[in-house]
């Protein structure tokens, strides 16, 4: 089946918020979103329920459907108890600030104990660092470079990431999502 999208607004501007079967987002940071194509595919595969729709419609010769703006999984997925180690989550833990100078631009990953000296890529050894600080530190140990992190790296809990995430809400929140997001209230771990 070929689906044609009316030229009103780009369908790429219509992601679907994905909720677990208990109507909580699969993840907050980053926010669990699917492209309109993935959302429609999940509807046809009977894996999700449509909770809310955009005004935007997609059509084929014998079919039309409003794009889903919120979908919920039909089967519950047990959430992870520990946040995944990702670049985004390291930046979120460190509040999107260089852990050496506090800059917020041009962030990179820095291994406190350099990999060349046996340091590993783990929560306990990686911090957000701006490019100038990362280059200045190079493969030196913090004391050798006279650059100690403002906050020593640690593995955050989900509630710590949620607390930091409320300081940096997403740039785009569709009005149909607001009942399922808790940017101003306390989130459960």
N, C-alpha and C. Protein backbone atom coordinates (compact mmCIF):
# COMPACT_ATOMS: atom_id res chain seq x y z
N UNK A 1 0.85 -1.16 0.00
CA UNK A 1 0.00 0.00 0.00
C UNK A 1 0.90 1.23 0.00
N UNK A 2 0.66 2.17 -0.89
CA UNK A 2 1.39 3.42 -0.96
C UNK A 2 0.60 4.47 -0.20
N UNK A 3 1.28 5.17 0.70
CA UNK A 3 0.62 6.20 1.49
C UNK A 3 1.09 7.55 1.01
N UNK A 4 0.16 8.44 0.72
CA UNK A 4 0.47 9.79 0.29
C UNK A 4 0.11 10.75 1.42
N UNK A 5 0.99 11.70 1.64
CA UNK A 5 0.76 12.66 2.71
C UNK A 5 0.44 14.01 2.08
N UNK A 6 -0.65 14.62 2.54
CA UNK A 6 -1.05 15.93 2.02
C UNK A 6 0.04 16.95 2.32
N UNK A 7 0.26 17.93 1.43
CA UNK A 7 1.37 18.87 1.58
C UNK A 7 1.16 19.99 2.60
N UNK A 8 0.26 19.84 3.54
CA UNK A 8 -0.02 20.91 4.51
C UNK A 8 1.20 21.17 5.40
N UNK A 9 1.66 20.15 6.10
CA UNK A 9 2.84 20.26 6.96
C UNK A 9 3.62 18.96 6.83
N UNK A 10 4.89 19.05 7.02
CA UNK A 10 5.72 17.86 6.88
C UNK A 10 5.34 16.82 7.93
N UNK A 11 5.14 15.57 7.53
CA UNK A 11 4.80 14.54 8.52
C UNK A 11 5.96 14.29 9.49
N UNK A 12 7.19 14.65 9.09
CA UNK A 12 8.32 14.51 10.00
C UNK A 12 8.14 15.40 11.23
N UNK A 13 7.30 16.40 11.11
CA UNK A 13 7.01 17.29 12.25
C UNK A 13 5.89 16.71 13.11
N UNK A 14 5.56 15.43 12.90
CA UNK A 14 4.46 14.79 13.63
C UNK A 14 4.93 13.49 14.30
N UNK A 15 5.89 13.55 15.22
CA UNK A 15 6.29 12.32 15.91
C UNK A 15 5.20 11.87 16.87
N UNK A 16 5.24 10.60 17.23
CA UNK A 16 4.28 10.06 18.18
C UNK A 16 4.97 9.80 19.51
N UNK A 17 4.37 10.29 20.59
CA UNK A 17 4.85 9.97 21.93
C UNK A 17 4.47 8.52 22.22
N UNK A 18 5.43 7.72 22.67
CA UNK A 18 5.19 6.29 22.92
C UNK A 18 5.08 6.06 24.41
N UNK A 19 3.92 5.55 24.81
CA UNK A 19 3.65 5.23 26.21
C UNK A 19 3.71 3.73 26.41
N UNK A 20 4.10 3.33 27.60
CA UNK A 20 4.03 1.93 27.96
C UNK A 20 2.56 1.56 28.15
N UNK A 21 2.27 0.31 28.43
CA UNK A 21 0.88 -0.11 28.62
C UNK A 21 0.24 0.55 29.84
N UNK A 22 1.06 1.08 30.76
CA UNK A 22 0.53 1.78 31.93
C UNK A 22 0.38 3.29 31.70
N UNK A 23 0.53 3.71 30.46
CA UNK A 23 0.36 5.10 30.03
C UNK A 23 1.45 6.04 30.58
N UNK A 24 2.62 5.51 30.84
CA UNK A 24 3.78 6.32 31.17
C UNK A 24 4.73 6.24 29.98
N UNK A 25 5.46 7.33 29.67
CA UNK A 25 6.41 7.26 28.56
C UNK A 25 7.43 6.13 28.77
N UNK A 26 7.82 5.49 27.67
CA UNK A 26 8.84 4.45 27.77
C UNK A 26 10.12 5.02 28.35
N UNK A 27 10.45 6.24 27.96
CA UNK A 27 11.60 6.93 28.56
C UNK A 27 11.33 8.43 28.51
N UNK A 28 11.90 9.12 29.46
CA UNK A 28 11.79 10.57 29.51
C UNK A 28 13.01 11.24 28.90
N UNK A 29 14.19 10.63 29.08
CA UNK A 29 15.43 11.26 28.65
C UNK A 29 16.27 10.26 27.89
N UNK A 30 16.29 10.26 26.60
CA UNK A 30 15.48 11.13 25.75
C UNK A 30 14.03 10.67 25.74
N UNK A 31 13.16 11.57 25.40
CA UNK A 31 11.73 11.30 25.36
C UNK A 31 11.45 10.23 24.31
N UNK A 32 10.62 9.25 24.66
CA UNK A 32 10.32 8.14 23.74
C UNK A 32 9.37 8.61 22.64
N UNK A 33 9.95 8.82 21.47
CA UNK A 33 9.19 9.27 20.31
C UNK A 33 9.46 8.34 19.14
N UNK A 34 8.42 8.12 18.33
CA UNK A 34 8.57 7.36 17.10
C UNK A 34 8.23 8.27 15.93
N UNK A 35 8.81 7.99 14.80
CA UNK A 35 8.44 8.71 13.58
C UNK A 35 7.01 8.33 13.23
N UNK A 36 6.38 9.14 12.38
CA UNK A 36 4.99 8.83 11.98
C UNK A 36 4.92 7.48 11.28
N UNK A 37 5.99 7.12 10.52
CA UNK A 37 5.99 5.84 9.81
C UNK A 37 6.01 4.67 10.80
N UNK A 38 6.87 4.78 11.82
CA UNK A 38 6.95 3.70 12.82
C UNK A 38 5.65 3.58 13.61
N UNK A 39 5.03 4.71 13.92
CA UNK A 39 3.77 4.68 14.66
C UNK A 39 2.68 3.99 13.84
N UNK A 40 2.58 4.34 12.56
CA UNK A 40 1.55 3.72 11.71
C UNK A 40 1.83 2.23 11.53
N UNK A 41 3.09 1.87 11.36
CA UNK A 41 3.45 0.46 11.22
C UNK A 41 3.03 -0.31 12.47
N UNK A 42 3.28 0.25 13.66
CA UNK A 42 2.90 -0.41 14.91
C UNK A 42 1.38 -0.54 15.03
N UNK A 43 0.63 0.45 14.53
CA UNK A 43 -0.83 0.37 14.53
C UNK A 43 -1.27 -0.81 13.66
N UNK A 44 -0.73 -0.91 12.44
CA UNK A 44 -1.11 -1.98 11.53
C UNK A 44 -0.69 -3.36 12.04
N UNK A 45 0.39 -3.41 12.81
CA UNK A 45 0.85 -4.69 13.38
C UNK A 45 0.12 -5.01 14.69
N UNK A 46 -0.82 -4.13 15.08
CA UNK A 46 -1.64 -4.30 16.28
C UNK A 46 -0.80 -4.38 17.55
N UNK A 47 0.28 -3.59 17.60
CA UNK A 47 1.15 -3.55 18.79
C UNK A 47 0.84 -2.38 19.71
N UNK A 48 0.08 -1.40 19.20
CA UNK A 48 -0.21 -0.19 19.99
C UNK A 48 -1.68 0.20 19.86
N UNK A 49 -2.11 0.97 20.82
CA UNK A 49 -3.41 1.64 20.75
C UNK A 49 -3.16 3.10 20.45
N UNK A 50 -3.99 3.71 19.65
CA UNK A 50 -3.88 5.15 19.40
C UNK A 50 -4.62 5.86 20.53
N UNK A 51 -3.90 6.73 21.23
CA UNK A 51 -4.46 7.47 22.36
C UNK A 51 -4.92 8.85 21.91
N UNK A 52 -4.13 9.46 21.03
CA UNK A 52 -4.45 10.80 20.54
C UNK A 52 -3.92 10.93 19.11
N UNK A 53 -4.52 11.85 18.35
CA UNK A 53 -4.14 12.03 16.94
C UNK A 53 -3.87 13.49 16.63
N UNK A 54 -3.04 13.69 15.60
CA UNK A 54 -2.85 15.02 15.03
C UNK A 54 -4.04 15.31 14.10
N UNK A 55 -4.18 16.55 13.70
CA UNK A 55 -5.17 16.89 12.68
C UNK A 55 -4.71 16.41 11.31
N UNK A 56 -3.44 16.14 11.17
CA UNK A 56 -2.80 15.72 9.91
C UNK A 56 -3.22 14.32 9.52
N UNK A 57 -3.45 14.10 8.26
CA UNK A 57 -3.94 12.82 7.76
C UNK A 57 -3.01 12.27 6.69
N UNK A 58 -2.91 10.95 6.62
CA UNK A 58 -2.21 10.28 5.52
C UNK A 58 -3.25 9.46 4.76
N UNK A 59 -3.02 9.32 3.45
CA UNK A 59 -4.02 8.63 2.61
C UNK A 59 -3.34 7.74 1.58
N UNK A 60 -4.06 6.69 1.23
CA UNK A 60 -3.74 5.86 0.08
C UNK A 60 -5.04 5.80 -0.73
N UNK A 61 -5.06 5.16 -1.89
CA UNK A 61 -6.30 5.15 -2.68
C UNK A 61 -7.54 4.65 -1.93
N UNK A 62 -7.40 3.66 -1.08
CA UNK A 62 -8.58 3.14 -0.39
C UNK A 62 -8.57 3.31 1.11
N UNK A 63 -7.74 4.21 1.62
CA UNK A 63 -7.56 4.29 3.07
C UNK A 63 -7.13 5.70 3.46
N UNK A 64 -7.61 6.17 4.60
CA UNK A 64 -7.08 7.41 5.17
C UNK A 64 -7.04 7.24 6.68
N UNK A 65 -6.09 7.95 7.29
CA UNK A 65 -5.87 7.81 8.73
C UNK A 65 -5.22 9.08 9.26
N UNK A 66 -5.69 9.55 10.40
CA UNK A 66 -5.01 10.66 11.06
C UNK A 66 -3.72 10.13 11.68
N UNK A 67 -2.68 10.97 11.65
CA UNK A 67 -1.40 10.56 12.24
C UNK A 67 -1.53 10.48 13.75
N UNK A 68 -1.05 9.39 14.36
CA UNK A 68 -1.09 9.28 15.82
C UNK A 68 -0.12 10.27 16.47
N UNK A 69 -0.58 10.96 17.50
CA UNK A 69 0.33 11.84 18.26
C UNK A 69 0.75 11.18 19.56
N UNK A 70 -0.09 10.27 20.09
CA UNK A 70 0.25 9.50 21.29
C UNK A 70 -0.23 8.07 21.05
N UNK A 71 0.67 7.11 21.30
CA UNK A 71 0.31 5.70 21.21
C UNK A 71 0.72 5.01 22.51
N UNK A 72 -0.01 3.96 22.87
CA UNK A 72 0.38 3.16 24.04
C UNK A 72 0.59 1.72 23.59
N UNK A 73 1.63 1.11 24.14
CA UNK A 73 1.92 -0.28 23.82
C UNK A 73 0.81 -1.16 24.37
N UNK A 74 0.49 -2.23 23.67
CA UNK A 74 -0.51 -3.17 24.16
C UNK A 74 0.09 -4.11 25.21
N UNK A 75 1.39 -4.37 25.12
CA UNK A 75 2.07 -5.23 26.09
C UNK A 75 3.02 -4.37 26.93
N UNK A 76 2.98 -4.57 28.22
CA UNK A 76 3.82 -3.80 29.14
C UNK A 76 5.29 -4.20 28.98
N UNK A 77 6.16 -3.20 28.91
CA UNK A 77 7.60 -3.42 28.86
C UNK A 77 8.17 -2.95 30.19
N UNK A 78 8.82 -3.86 30.90
CA UNK A 78 9.38 -3.51 32.20
C UNK A 78 10.51 -2.50 32.01
N UNK A 79 10.38 -1.32 32.65
CA UNK A 79 11.43 -0.30 32.47
C UNK A 79 12.74 -0.71 33.15
N UNK A 80 13.82 -0.24 32.60
CA UNK A 80 15.13 -0.48 33.18
C UNK A 80 15.22 0.24 34.52
N UNK A 81 15.90 -0.38 35.47
CA UNK A 81 16.06 0.25 36.79
C UNK A 81 17.28 1.18 36.80
N UNK A 82 18.15 1.01 35.82
CA UNK A 82 19.36 1.81 35.75
C UNK A 82 19.42 2.51 34.41
N UNK A 83 19.80 3.79 34.38
CA UNK A 83 19.87 4.48 33.09
C UNK A 83 20.98 3.92 32.22
N UNK A 84 20.73 3.93 30.92
CA UNK A 84 21.73 3.46 29.97
C UNK A 84 22.90 4.44 29.94
N UNK A 85 24.09 3.91 29.75
CA UNK A 85 25.28 4.76 29.60
C UNK A 85 25.30 5.23 28.16
N UNK A 86 24.91 6.49 27.95
CA UNK A 86 24.92 7.10 26.62
C UNK A 86 25.54 8.49 26.74
N UNK A 87 25.97 9.02 25.63
CA UNK A 87 26.52 10.38 25.60
C UNK A 87 25.49 11.38 26.15
N UNK A 88 24.24 11.25 25.68
CA UNK A 88 23.19 12.16 26.13
C UNK A 88 23.01 12.07 27.65
N UNK A 89 22.98 10.86 28.20
CA UNK A 89 22.77 10.72 29.65
C UNK A 89 23.95 11.23 30.46
N UNK A 90 25.18 11.10 29.93
CA UNK A 90 26.34 11.69 30.61
C UNK A 90 26.18 13.22 30.63
N UNK A 91 25.82 13.80 29.48
CA UNK A 91 25.62 15.25 29.43
C UNK A 91 24.49 15.67 30.38
N UNK A 92 23.43 14.89 30.44
CA UNK A 92 22.31 15.20 31.33
C UNK A 92 22.75 15.11 32.78
N UNK A 93 23.48 14.06 33.15
CA UNK A 93 23.99 13.93 34.52
C UNK A 93 24.82 15.17 34.88
N UNK A 94 25.63 15.63 33.93
CA UNK A 94 26.53 16.76 34.17
C UNK A 94 25.87 18.10 33.85
N UNK A 95 24.56 18.08 33.64
CA UNK A 95 23.75 19.27 33.40
C UNK A 95 24.23 20.08 32.19
N UNK A 96 24.67 19.37 31.17
CA UNK A 96 25.10 19.99 29.91
C UNK A 96 26.13 21.09 30.14
N UNK A 97 27.09 20.81 31.04
CA UNK A 97 28.15 21.78 31.34
C UNK A 97 29.49 21.05 31.41
N UNK A 98 30.53 21.70 30.90
CA UNK A 98 31.89 21.17 31.01
C UNK A 98 32.22 21.02 32.48
N UNK A 99 32.73 19.87 32.84
CA UNK A 99 33.05 19.61 34.24
C UNK A 99 34.41 20.16 34.66
N UNK A 100 35.06 20.88 33.74
CA UNK A 100 36.32 21.53 34.08
C UNK A 100 36.17 23.05 34.17
N UNK A 101 35.38 23.65 33.27
CA UNK A 101 35.27 25.12 33.27
C UNK A 101 33.83 25.63 33.34
N UNK A 102 32.85 24.73 33.18
CA UNK A 102 31.45 25.14 33.24
C UNK A 102 30.84 25.58 31.91
N UNK A 103 31.63 25.60 30.83
CA UNK A 103 31.10 26.03 29.52
C UNK A 103 29.98 25.09 29.08
N UNK A 104 29.07 25.62 28.28
CA UNK A 104 27.92 24.84 27.82
C UNK A 104 27.95 24.58 26.31
N UNK A 105 28.96 25.06 25.62
CA UNK A 105 29.05 24.88 24.18
C UNK A 105 30.10 23.84 23.83
N UNK A 106 29.93 23.21 22.66
CA UNK A 106 30.94 22.33 22.08
C UNK A 106 31.34 21.20 23.04
N UNK A 107 30.33 20.54 23.65
CA UNK A 107 30.62 19.50 24.63
C UNK A 107 31.08 18.20 23.97
N UNK A 108 32.01 17.54 24.65
CA UNK A 108 32.53 16.25 24.25
C UNK A 108 32.55 15.36 25.48
N UNK A 109 33.01 14.16 25.28
CA UNK A 109 33.22 13.16 26.32
C UNK A 109 34.66 13.26 26.78
N UNK A 110 34.96 13.24 28.07
CA UNK A 110 36.35 13.16 28.51
C UNK A 110 36.50 12.01 29.49
N UNK A 111 37.54 11.21 29.28
CA UNK A 111 37.88 10.15 30.23
C UNK A 111 38.77 10.77 31.30
N UNK A 112 38.31 10.79 32.55
CA UNK A 112 39.08 11.39 33.64
C UNK A 112 40.43 10.67 33.73
N UNK A 113 40.41 9.35 33.82
CA UNK A 113 41.63 8.56 33.66
C UNK A 113 41.67 8.20 32.18
N UNK A 114 42.63 8.77 31.42
CA UNK A 114 42.66 8.56 29.97
C UNK A 114 42.70 7.07 29.59
N UNK A 115 42.09 6.77 28.46
CA UNK A 115 42.11 5.38 27.97
C UNK A 115 43.53 4.89 27.78
N UNK A 116 44.43 5.81 27.37
CA UNK A 116 45.83 5.43 27.16
C UNK A 116 46.50 5.01 28.48
N UNK A 117 45.85 5.33 29.60
CA UNK A 117 46.39 4.96 30.92
C UNK A 117 45.50 3.94 31.63
N UNK A 118 44.69 3.25 30.83
CA UNK A 118 43.87 2.18 31.39
C UNK A 118 42.46 2.60 31.80
N UNK A 119 42.11 3.86 31.57
CA UNK A 119 40.76 4.31 31.92
C UNK A 119 39.72 3.68 31.03
N UNK A 120 38.57 3.40 31.60
CA UNK A 120 37.50 2.76 30.85
C UNK A 120 36.38 3.74 30.55
N UNK A 121 35.56 3.38 29.58
CA UNK A 121 34.41 4.20 29.21
C UNK A 121 33.23 3.75 30.06
N UNK A 122 33.17 4.30 31.28
CA UNK A 122 32.13 3.94 32.24
C UNK A 122 31.59 5.21 32.89
N UNK A 123 30.46 5.06 33.57
CA UNK A 123 29.89 6.20 34.31
C UNK A 123 30.92 6.81 35.26
N UNK A 124 31.73 5.96 35.90
CA UNK A 124 32.65 6.43 36.93
C UNK A 124 33.92 7.06 36.38
N UNK A 125 34.08 7.10 35.04
CA UNK A 125 35.32 7.65 34.48
C UNK A 125 35.10 8.66 33.35
N UNK A 126 33.86 8.96 33.01
CA UNK A 126 33.59 9.87 31.89
C UNK A 126 32.82 11.09 32.37
N UNK A 127 33.25 12.26 31.91
CA UNK A 127 32.55 13.51 32.22
C UNK A 127 32.34 14.30 30.93
N UNK A 128 31.40 15.22 30.98
CA UNK A 128 31.21 16.17 29.88
C UNK A 128 32.35 17.19 29.95
N UNK A 129 32.93 17.50 28.81
CA UNK A 129 34.00 18.49 28.76
C UNK A 129 33.89 19.26 27.44
N UNK A 130 34.15 20.55 27.50
CA UNK A 130 34.16 21.32 26.25
C UNK A 130 35.42 20.93 25.47
N UNK A 131 35.39 21.13 24.18
CA UNK A 131 36.54 20.74 23.34
C UNK A 131 37.85 21.38 23.80
N UNK A 132 37.87 22.71 24.11
CA UNK A 132 39.14 23.30 24.55
C UNK A 132 39.70 22.63 25.81
N UNK A 133 38.85 22.33 26.80
CA UNK A 133 39.33 21.67 28.02
C UNK A 133 39.78 20.24 27.72
N UNK A 134 39.03 19.54 26.89
CA UNK A 134 39.38 18.17 26.55
C UNK A 134 40.75 18.14 25.85
N UNK A 135 40.98 19.07 24.93
CA UNK A 135 42.27 19.13 24.24
C UNK A 135 43.39 19.51 25.21
N UNK A 136 43.11 20.46 26.11
CA UNK A 136 44.12 20.91 27.07
C UNK A 136 44.52 19.78 28.02
N UNK A 137 43.53 19.00 28.46
CA UNK A 137 43.82 17.90 29.38
C UNK A 137 44.56 16.77 28.64
N UNK A 138 44.15 16.51 27.40
CA UNK A 138 44.82 15.47 26.62
C UNK A 138 44.80 14.13 27.31
N UNK A 139 45.94 13.45 27.32
CA UNK A 139 46.02 12.13 27.96
C UNK A 139 46.67 12.20 29.33
N UNK A 140 46.54 13.35 29.99
CA UNK A 140 47.12 13.52 31.32
C UNK A 140 46.10 13.14 32.39
N UNK A 141 46.62 12.77 33.54
CA UNK A 141 45.76 12.54 34.71
C UNK A 141 45.31 13.91 35.22
N UNK A 142 44.19 13.99 35.93
CA UNK A 142 43.68 15.29 36.40
C UNK A 142 44.71 16.12 37.16
N UNK A 143 45.47 15.50 38.06
CA UNK A 143 46.45 16.26 38.84
C UNK A 143 47.60 16.75 37.98
N UNK A 144 48.03 15.94 37.00
CA UNK A 144 49.11 16.34 36.10
C UNK A 144 48.68 17.55 35.26
N UNK A 145 47.43 17.54 34.82
CA UNK A 145 46.93 18.62 33.97
C UNK A 145 46.44 19.80 34.82
N UNK A 146 46.42 19.61 36.13
CA UNK A 146 45.85 20.59 37.06
C UNK A 146 44.42 20.94 36.64
N UNK A 147 43.67 19.88 36.33
CA UNK A 147 42.27 20.01 35.91
C UNK A 147 41.47 18.93 36.61
N UNK A 148 40.87 19.28 37.71
CA UNK A 148 40.03 18.33 38.44
C UNK A 148 38.57 18.65 38.11
N UNK A 149 37.77 17.61 37.86
CA UNK A 149 36.35 17.86 37.53
C UNK A 149 35.63 18.58 38.66
N UNK A 150 34.69 19.45 38.28
CA UNK A 150 33.86 20.15 39.27
C UNK A 150 33.05 19.13 40.07
N UNK A 151 32.66 18.04 39.40
CA UNK A 151 31.91 16.95 40.03
C UNK A 151 32.54 15.66 39.54
N UNK A 152 32.97 14.80 40.45
CA UNK A 152 33.56 13.54 40.04
C UNK A 152 32.49 12.67 39.40
N UNK A 153 32.84 11.92 38.37
CA UNK A 153 31.85 11.11 37.67
C UNK A 153 31.27 10.02 38.57
N UNK A 154 29.98 9.72 38.35
CA UNK A 154 29.28 8.70 39.12
C UNK A 154 28.15 8.15 38.27
N UNK A 155 27.66 6.97 38.65
CA UNK A 155 26.51 6.40 37.95
C UNK A 155 25.25 6.99 38.57
N UNK A 156 24.49 7.78 37.79
CA UNK A 156 23.28 8.39 38.34
C UNK A 156 22.13 7.39 38.42
N UNK A 157 21.19 7.69 39.30
CA UNK A 157 19.96 6.92 39.34
C UNK A 157 18.99 7.54 38.32
N UNK A 158 17.94 6.81 38.00
CA UNK A 158 16.92 7.37 37.10
C UNK A 158 16.32 8.63 37.68
N UNK A 159 16.09 8.66 39.00
CA UNK A 159 15.49 9.85 39.60
C UNK A 159 16.43 11.06 39.53
N UNK A 160 17.74 10.84 39.60
CA UNK A 160 18.69 11.95 39.45
C UNK A 160 18.65 12.49 38.02
N UNK A 161 18.59 11.60 37.03
CA UNK A 161 18.49 12.06 35.64
C UNK A 161 17.16 12.78 35.42
N UNK A 162 16.09 12.28 36.00
CA UNK A 162 14.78 12.93 35.85
C UNK A 162 14.82 14.34 36.46
N UNK A 163 15.43 14.46 37.63
CA UNK A 163 15.53 15.77 38.28
C UNK A 163 16.32 16.74 37.39
N UNK A 164 17.45 16.29 36.84
CA UNK A 164 18.22 17.14 35.95
C UNK A 164 17.46 17.42 34.67
N UNK A 165 16.74 16.43 34.17
CA UNK A 165 15.99 16.59 32.92
C UNK A 165 14.91 17.65 33.01
N UNK A 166 14.32 17.82 34.18
CA UNK A 166 13.30 18.86 34.33
C UNK A 166 13.88 20.26 34.14
N UNK A 167 15.20 20.37 34.29
CA UNK A 167 15.86 21.66 34.05
C UNK A 167 16.01 21.94 32.56
N UNK A 168 15.88 20.89 31.72
CA UNK A 168 16.08 21.00 30.28
C UNK A 168 14.94 20.32 29.54
N UNK A 169 13.71 20.86 29.62
CA UNK A 169 12.60 20.20 28.91
C UNK A 169 12.85 20.21 27.41
N UNK A 170 12.24 19.25 26.68
CA UNK A 170 12.44 19.20 25.23
C UNK A 170 12.01 20.50 24.57
N UNK A 171 12.59 20.76 23.40
CA UNK A 171 12.26 21.97 22.65
C UNK A 171 10.84 21.92 22.10
N UNK A 172 10.33 20.72 21.88
CA UNK A 172 9.02 20.58 21.28
C UNK A 172 8.18 19.63 22.11
N UNK A 173 7.03 20.10 22.56
CA UNK A 173 6.06 19.25 23.25
C UNK A 173 4.70 19.52 22.63
N UNK A 174 4.13 18.52 21.98
CA UNK A 174 2.80 18.69 21.41
C UNK A 174 1.79 18.72 22.54
N UNK A 175 0.75 19.53 22.39
CA UNK A 175 -0.26 19.68 23.45
C UNK A 175 -0.89 18.35 23.84
N UNK A 176 -1.01 17.40 22.92
CA UNK A 176 -1.62 16.10 23.24
C UNK A 176 -0.72 15.25 24.15
N UNK A 177 0.54 15.63 24.31
CA UNK A 177 1.46 14.87 25.14
C UNK A 177 1.42 15.30 26.60
N UNK A 178 0.96 16.50 26.87
CA UNK A 178 1.14 17.10 28.18
C UNK A 178 0.51 16.32 29.33
N UNK A 179 -0.59 15.61 29.07
CA UNK A 179 -1.21 14.83 30.13
C UNK A 179 -0.37 13.63 30.55
N UNK A 180 0.63 13.27 29.75
CA UNK A 180 1.44 12.08 30.02
C UNK A 180 2.86 12.41 30.46
N UNK A 181 3.18 13.69 30.53
CA UNK A 181 4.52 14.13 30.93
C UNK A 181 4.43 14.90 32.23
N UNK A 182 5.46 14.79 33.03
CA UNK A 182 5.42 15.37 34.37
C UNK A 182 6.62 16.28 34.58
N UNK A 183 6.73 17.30 33.77
CA UNK A 183 7.91 18.16 33.83
C UNK A 183 7.98 18.95 35.12
N UNK A 184 6.85 19.22 35.77
CA UNK A 184 6.88 20.04 36.97
C UNK A 184 6.61 19.25 38.24
N UNK A 185 6.32 17.98 38.14
CA UNK A 185 6.02 17.21 39.32
C UNK A 185 7.13 16.20 39.59
N UNK A 186 7.07 15.60 40.75
CA UNK A 186 8.08 14.62 41.13
C UNK A 186 7.86 13.32 40.36
N UNK A 187 8.91 12.80 39.77
CA UNK A 187 8.82 11.54 39.02
C UNK A 187 9.22 10.38 39.93
N UNK A 188 8.57 9.27 39.75
CA UNK A 188 8.92 8.09 40.51
C UNK A 188 10.10 7.40 39.85
N UNK A 189 11.01 6.80 40.66
CA UNK A 189 12.15 6.09 40.08
C UNK A 189 11.74 4.84 39.37
